[in-house]
Each structure stands twice: as C-alpha cells, then as structure tokens.
Amino acid sequence: MKTCPNCGALIDENVKFCPTCGTPAAVETAVRSYVPATGDPYDHTPEFDPRDISDNKLYGILVYAASLLGIIVALLAVPRSPYVSFHIRQSLKLLICCVIVGFVTAVLCWTIIVPFAGGIAMIILLVVYVICFVRACKGKAVEAPIVRGINFLK
C-alpha cells in the first residue's frame, strides 16, 4: 500500500489514480526518485529557471561577497527569485556558523585550545564561502559543504 500525494489516502500499488481524489498515483514515485542530472544530490541547479539564474547571478554572488549586507541587498532587490533565495539560505547557514564559532571562541578565549580551534574553524568556513562564491559565479546552485546538514533553513 502507498499513500496518495494529494489527499493522503491509502491506495493499492497497482492503482494508477487515487479512488478518493483522482490524483495520479505515479506522481509520488516520480517525486521520490528525482536525482539531478549531475548525479550530485546536493546540486539544485536544474530546479531553477535558466533565465532566473542569468538575470540574478550577480545577487547570488553578492550574498557571499558581502555577507550580511549582501543578503539584505539581495532580499530588497529580488525578493521573489528562487535562485537568489537558495543562495541567501546557504549564506545564512555559513554566517550563523561563523557567529557561533566566534562567540564560543570569544567566551572561551582564556583557554589555549579553543581560540586555536576557533581560528581553524573560521579558516574552513572562509574556504567554504569561497567555494560557494565560485559556484555562484558559474551559475550553479549547490548546497554549501560542511553546513549542508543544517536543516533549519530549507
């Protein structure tokens, strides 16, 4: 038995349409089996309109180059662009991680190992920012490494 993607009713595996609402039952399997053409499950580039990407690539780059200021400018300039919204979410994840690392490092600055580890973590996050910047320059929408597991900004 499987569930209807529209109404949630239980339907048999061999039924093509939901007997309750008439929604095609094949929609659920098509959504589940989606794998991007690149084979990378973190690459969301095919999900966006190529025109949206080309028109708003600069704002996608800006959110990584100018961090919080770039996020604010992008939100004000193109609030309805799905491509820019994706990059804003990725940049926010990185920014929140930087703030957390900086806060923990500042609070525990009297220790020896925490400032050292915090500095290394900040360098790693800077490298991730650069990776995301380069991908945005190429018009790609790939989730940021290391912070892609943070699910609060999906």
Protein backbone atom coordinates (compact mmCIF):
# COMPACT_ATOMS: atom_id res chain seq x y z
CA MET A 1 0.00 0.00 0.00
CA LYS A 2 1.08 3.56 -0.67
CA THR A 3 -0.39 6.92 0.14
CA CYS A 4 -1.86 9.46 -2.24
CA PRO A 5 0.42 12.50 -2.58
CA ASN A 6 -2.62 14.81 -2.63
CA CYS A 7 -5.10 13.60 -0.01
CA GLY A 8 -3.05 11.00 1.92
CA ALA A 9 -5.50 8.14 1.37
CA LEU A 10 -4.13 4.58 1.26
CA ILE A 11 -4.18 3.11 -2.25
CA ASP A 12 -3.04 -0.17 -3.80
CA GLU A 13 0.33 -0.35 -5.55
CA ASN A 14 -1.18 -1.18 -8.96
CA VAL A 15 -3.81 1.62 -8.96
CA LYS A 16 -3.00 4.49 -11.34
CA PHE A 17 -5.37 7.07 -9.83
CA CYS A 18 -6.44 7.71 -6.25
CA PRO A 19 -10.05 6.49 -5.78
CA THR A 20 -10.70 9.32 -3.30
CA CYS A 21 -9.48 12.43 -5.12
CA GLY A 22 -8.44 11.21 -8.60
CA THR A 23 -4.80 12.33 -8.39
CA PRO A 24 -2.40 10.23 -10.49
CA ALA A 25 -0.64 7.77 -8.18
CA ALA A 26 2.54 7.83 -10.28
CA VAL A 27 3.30 11.40 -9.13
CA GLU A 28 4.55 10.16 -5.76
CA THR A 29 7.10 7.77 -7.24
CA ALA A 30 8.32 10.38 -9.72
CA VAL A 31 8.98 12.86 -6.93
CA ARG A 32 10.77 10.32 -4.76
CA SER A 33 13.07 9.08 -7.49
CA TYR A 34 14.32 12.54 -8.56
CA VAL A 35 18.09 12.62 -8.91
CA PRO A 36 19.75 15.59 -10.57
CA ALA A 37 21.30 15.05 -13.99
CA THR A 38 24.75 15.63 -12.49
CA GLY A 39 24.29 12.73 -10.08
CA ASP A 40 25.00 15.05 -7.13
CA PRO A 41 22.05 15.10 -4.71
CA TYR A 42 23.21 18.49 -3.39
CA ASP A 43 23.13 20.16 -6.82
CA HIS A 44 19.83 22.01 -7.21
CA THR A 45 20.74 23.90 -10.40
CA PRO A 46 18.27 22.00 -12.66
CA GLU A 47 15.41 23.04 -10.35
CA PHE A 48 15.81 26.72 -11.28
CA ASP A 49 14.79 28.57 -14.42
CA PRO A 50 17.88 29.36 -16.55
CA ARG A 51 16.55 32.87 -17.13
CA ASP A 52 16.25 33.44 -13.36
CA ILE A 53 19.84 32.27 -12.94
CA SER A 54 21.21 34.53 -15.68
CA ASP A 55 19.18 37.57 -14.59
CA ASN A 56 20.05 37.28 -10.89
CA LYS A 57 23.52 35.72 -10.86
CA LEU A 58 25.03 38.96 -9.54
CA TYR A 59 22.83 38.86 -6.44
CA GLY A 60 23.72 35.20 -5.90
CA ILE A 61 27.38 36.22 -5.93
CA LEU A 62 26.75 39.26 -3.71
CA VAL A 63 25.37 37.24 -0.80
CA TYR A 64 28.75 35.51 -0.44
CA ALA A 65 30.94 38.52 -1.25
CA ALA A 66 29.25 40.97 1.13
CA SER A 67 27.77 38.53 3.70
CA LEU A 68 25.01 40.17 5.77
CA LEU A 69 24.96 43.37 3.71
CA GLY A 70 24.75 41.30 0.51
CA ILE A 71 21.87 39.28 1.95
CA ILE A 72 19.94 42.45 2.79
CA VAL A 73 20.57 43.97 -0.65
CA ALA A 74 19.54 40.75 -2.40
CA LEU A 75 16.36 40.48 -0.32
CA LEU A 76 15.40 44.05 -1.18
CA ALA A 77 16.37 43.88 -4.87
CA VAL A 78 14.95 40.50 -5.91
CA PRO A 79 12.69 39.13 -3.16
CA ARG A 80 10.90 36.64 -5.46
CA SER A 81 13.85 34.95 -7.14
CA PRO A 82 14.08 31.26 -6.14
CA TYR A 83 17.72 31.13 -7.27
CA VAL A 84 18.75 34.07 -5.09
CA SER A 85 16.68 32.72 -2.18
CA PHE A 86 18.63 29.47 -2.38
CA HIS A 87 21.94 31.33 -2.13
CA ILE A 88 20.62 33.53 0.68
CA ARG A 89 19.78 30.42 2.70
CA GLN A 90 23.23 28.94 2.09
CA SER A 91 24.93 32.21 3.04
CA LEU A 92 22.82 32.49 6.19
CA LYS A 93 23.88 29.00 7.24
CA LEU A 94 27.52 29.97 6.84
CA LEU A 95 27.03 33.30 8.61
CA ILE A 96 25.30 31.65 11.58
CA CYS A 97 28.13 29.12 11.86
CA CYS A 98 30.69 31.95 11.80
CA VAL A 99 28.81 33.80 14.56
CA ILE A 100 28.59 30.67 16.71
CA VAL A 101 32.29 29.86 16.26
CA GLY A 102 33.22 33.48 17.00
CA PHE A 103 31.04 33.59 20.11
CA VAL A 104 32.39 30.32 21.52
CA THR A 105 35.96 31.43 20.76
CA ALA A 106 35.40 34.79 22.48
CA VAL A 107 33.79 33.26 25.56
CA LEU A 108 36.49 30.64 25.97
CA CYS A 109 39.41 32.84 24.89
CA TRP A 110 41.21 32.21 28.20
CA THR A 111 41.89 28.61 27.19
CA ILE A 112 44.64 27.67 24.81
CA ILE A 113 42.98 25.15 22.53
CA VAL A 114 39.60 26.84 21.87
CA PRO A 115 40.99 30.00 20.20
CA PHE A 116 43.28 27.83 18.09
CA ALA A 117 40.41 25.52 17.08
CA GLY A 118 38.14 28.53 16.52
CA GLY A 119 40.70 30.07 14.18
CA ILE A 120 40.96 26.85 12.18
CA ALA A 121 37.13 26.61 12.03
CA MET A 122 36.94 30.20 10.76
CA ILE A 123 39.51 29.45 8.04
CA ILE A 124 37.49 26.39 6.99
CA LEU A 125 34.30 28.46 6.85
CA LEU A 126 36.13 31.09 4.77
CA VAL A 127 37.17 28.38 2.30
CA VAL A 128 33.53 27.24 2.11
CA TYR A 129 32.48 30.85 1.43
CA VAL A 130 34.98 30.96 -1.46
CA ILE A 131 33.72 27.64 -2.85
CA CYS A 132 30.13 28.93 -2.76
CA PHE A 133 31.21 32.22 -4.34
CA VAL A 134 32.86 30.41 -7.25
CA ARG A 135 29.84 28.16 -7.74
CA ALA A 136 27.53 31.20 -7.77
CA CYS A 137 29.82 32.83 -10.36
CA LYS A 138 29.30 29.76 -12.55
CA GLY A 139 25.52 29.95 -12.11
CA LYS A 140 25.33 26.78 -10.02
CA ALA A 141 23.07 26.15 -7.05
CA VAL A 142 24.92 23.58 -4.97
CA GLU A 143 24.46 23.29 -1.21
CA ALA A 144 27.42 24.56 0.82
CA PRO A 145 29.77 21.83 2.03
CA ILE A 146 30.09 21.21 5.79
CA VAL A 147 26.91 23.17 6.63
CA ARG A 148 24.60 21.34 4.22
CA GLY A 149 23.39 19.13 7.06
CA ILE A 150 21.90 22.13 8.88
CA ASN A 151 18.22 21.77 8.02
CA PHE A 152 16.63 24.77 9.72
CA LEU A 153 16.77 26.92 6.56
CA LYS A 154 15.31 24.57 3.94
